[in-house]
Amino acid sequence: MAAPSSFLKICFSPKCGASSSERWWKGWRLRSGNMAELCDRC
C-alpha cells in the first residue's frame, strides 16, 4: 500500500530530489515559515 502524499518527503535540494533518506536535516527557512528538508547526502 502506498503512503499518502502528505507523508512523502523529497529532498529540497534542486540537484538531488531524493525521496528516501535515513535521516532528514533542516535547511533554510522558507517563505511559508516552514523549514526546507534535506536528505542525509545533502
N, C-alpha and C. Protein backbone atom coordinates (compact mmCIF):
# COMPACT_ATOMS: atom_id res chain seq x y z
N MET A 1 0.85 -1.18 0.00
CA MET A 1 0.00 0.00 0.00
C MET A 1 0.89 1.24 0.00
N ALA A 2 0.61 2.17 -0.86
CA ALA A 2 1.41 3.40 -0.97
C ALA A 2 1.08 4.36 0.16
N ALA A 3 2.09 5.10 0.56
CA ALA A 3 1.91 6.10 1.62
C ALA A 3 1.17 7.30 1.05
N PRO A 4 0.33 7.94 1.86
CA PRO A 4 -0.34 9.16 1.40
C PRO A 4 0.68 10.22 1.02
N SER A 5 0.35 11.05 0.06
CA SER A 5 1.29 12.06 -0.42
C SER A 5 1.68 13.05 0.66
N SER A 6 0.86 13.21 1.69
CA SER A 6 1.19 14.13 2.77
C SER A 6 2.40 13.66 3.58
N PHE A 7 2.74 12.36 3.50
CA PHE A 7 3.87 11.83 4.25
C PHE A 7 5.11 11.66 3.37
N LEU A 8 5.00 11.91 2.07
CA LEU A 8 6.13 11.76 1.16
C LEU A 8 7.08 12.92 1.34
N LYS A 9 8.33 12.61 1.64
CA LYS A 9 9.35 13.65 1.78
C LYS A 9 10.25 13.60 0.56
N ILE A 10 10.60 14.76 0.06
CA ILE A 10 11.52 14.88 -1.06
C ILE A 10 12.57 15.90 -0.67
N CYS A 11 13.82 15.58 -0.92
CA CYS A 11 14.91 16.49 -0.61
C CYS A 11 14.69 17.81 -1.34
N PHE A 12 14.85 18.92 -0.64
CA PHE A 12 14.57 20.23 -1.19
C PHE A 12 15.67 20.73 -2.11
N SER A 13 16.81 20.07 -2.11
CA SER A 13 17.92 20.48 -2.98
C SER A 13 17.55 20.20 -4.44
N PRO A 14 17.60 21.21 -5.30
CA PRO A 14 17.23 21.01 -6.71
C PRO A 14 18.16 20.05 -7.45
N LYS A 15 19.37 19.85 -6.96
CA LYS A 15 20.31 18.93 -7.59
C LYS A 15 20.12 17.49 -7.13
N CYS A 16 19.31 17.28 -6.10
CA CYS A 16 19.16 15.94 -5.53
C CYS A 16 17.75 15.39 -5.79
N GLY A 17 16.78 15.81 -4.99
CA GLY A 17 15.41 15.34 -5.15
C GLY A 17 15.16 13.94 -4.63
N ALA A 18 16.04 13.42 -3.77
CA ALA A 18 15.86 12.07 -3.21
C ALA A 18 14.56 11.99 -2.42
N SER A 19 13.92 10.83 -2.48
CA SER A 19 12.67 10.66 -1.75
C SER A 19 12.82 9.72 -0.56
N SER A 20 14.02 9.20 -0.35
CA SER A 20 14.26 8.36 0.81
C SER A 20 15.60 8.72 1.43
N SER A 21 15.63 8.69 2.73
CA SER A 21 16.84 9.03 3.45
C SER A 21 16.75 8.43 4.84
N GLU A 22 17.89 8.04 5.39
CA GLU A 22 17.90 7.53 6.76
C GLU A 22 17.66 8.65 7.75
N ARG A 23 18.10 9.83 7.40
CA ARG A 23 17.98 10.97 8.31
C ARG A 23 17.70 12.23 7.50
N TRP A 24 16.82 13.06 7.99
CA TRP A 24 16.47 14.32 7.32
C TRP A 24 17.00 15.48 8.14
N TRP A 25 17.56 16.47 7.47
CA TRP A 25 18.15 17.63 8.11
C TRP A 25 17.34 18.87 7.78
N LYS A 26 17.29 19.80 8.72
CA LYS A 26 16.62 21.07 8.46
C LYS A 26 17.59 21.99 7.73
N GLY A 27 17.08 22.61 6.68
CA GLY A 27 17.89 23.54 5.90
C GLY A 27 17.51 24.97 6.25
N TRP A 28 17.17 25.74 5.25
CA TRP A 28 16.84 27.15 5.43
C TRP A 28 15.35 27.34 5.64
N ARG A 29 14.97 28.51 6.14
CA ARG A 29 13.57 28.83 6.37
C ARG A 29 12.93 29.26 5.04
N LEU A 30 11.76 28.69 4.76
CA LEU A 30 11.02 29.01 3.55
C LEU A 30 10.11 30.21 3.78
N ARG A 31 9.61 30.81 2.72
CA ARG A 31 8.69 31.95 2.86
C ARG A 31 7.45 31.59 3.66
N SER A 32 7.04 30.33 3.59
CA SER A 32 5.86 29.86 4.32
C SER A 32 6.11 29.78 5.82
N GLY A 33 7.38 29.87 6.23
CA GLY A 33 7.72 29.75 7.64
C GLY A 33 8.22 28.36 8.00
N ASN A 34 7.98 27.39 7.13
CA ASN A 34 8.48 26.03 7.34
C ASN A 34 9.97 25.97 7.03
N MET A 35 10.58 24.85 7.39
CA MET A 35 12.00 24.65 7.10
C MET A 35 12.15 23.70 5.92
N ALA A 36 13.12 23.99 5.05
CA ALA A 36 13.44 23.08 3.95
C ALA A 36 14.03 21.81 4.55
N GLU A 37 13.66 20.65 4.01
CA GLU A 37 14.19 19.39 4.50
C GLU A 37 15.17 18.83 3.49
N LEU A 38 16.36 18.46 3.98
CA LEU A 38 17.42 17.93 3.13
C LEU A 38 17.74 16.50 3.53
N CYS A 39 18.07 15.67 2.54
CA CYS A 39 18.42 14.28 2.84
C CYS A 39 19.81 14.21 3.47
N ASP A 40 20.18 13.04 3.94
CA ASP A 40 21.47 12.90 4.62
C ASP A 40 22.66 13.09 3.69
N ARG A 41 22.48 12.98 2.38
CA ARG A 41 23.58 13.20 1.43
C ARG A 41 23.82 14.69 1.19
N CYS A 42 22.81 15.50 1.37
CA CYS A 42 22.95 16.94 1.11
C CYS A 42 23.28 17.68 2.38
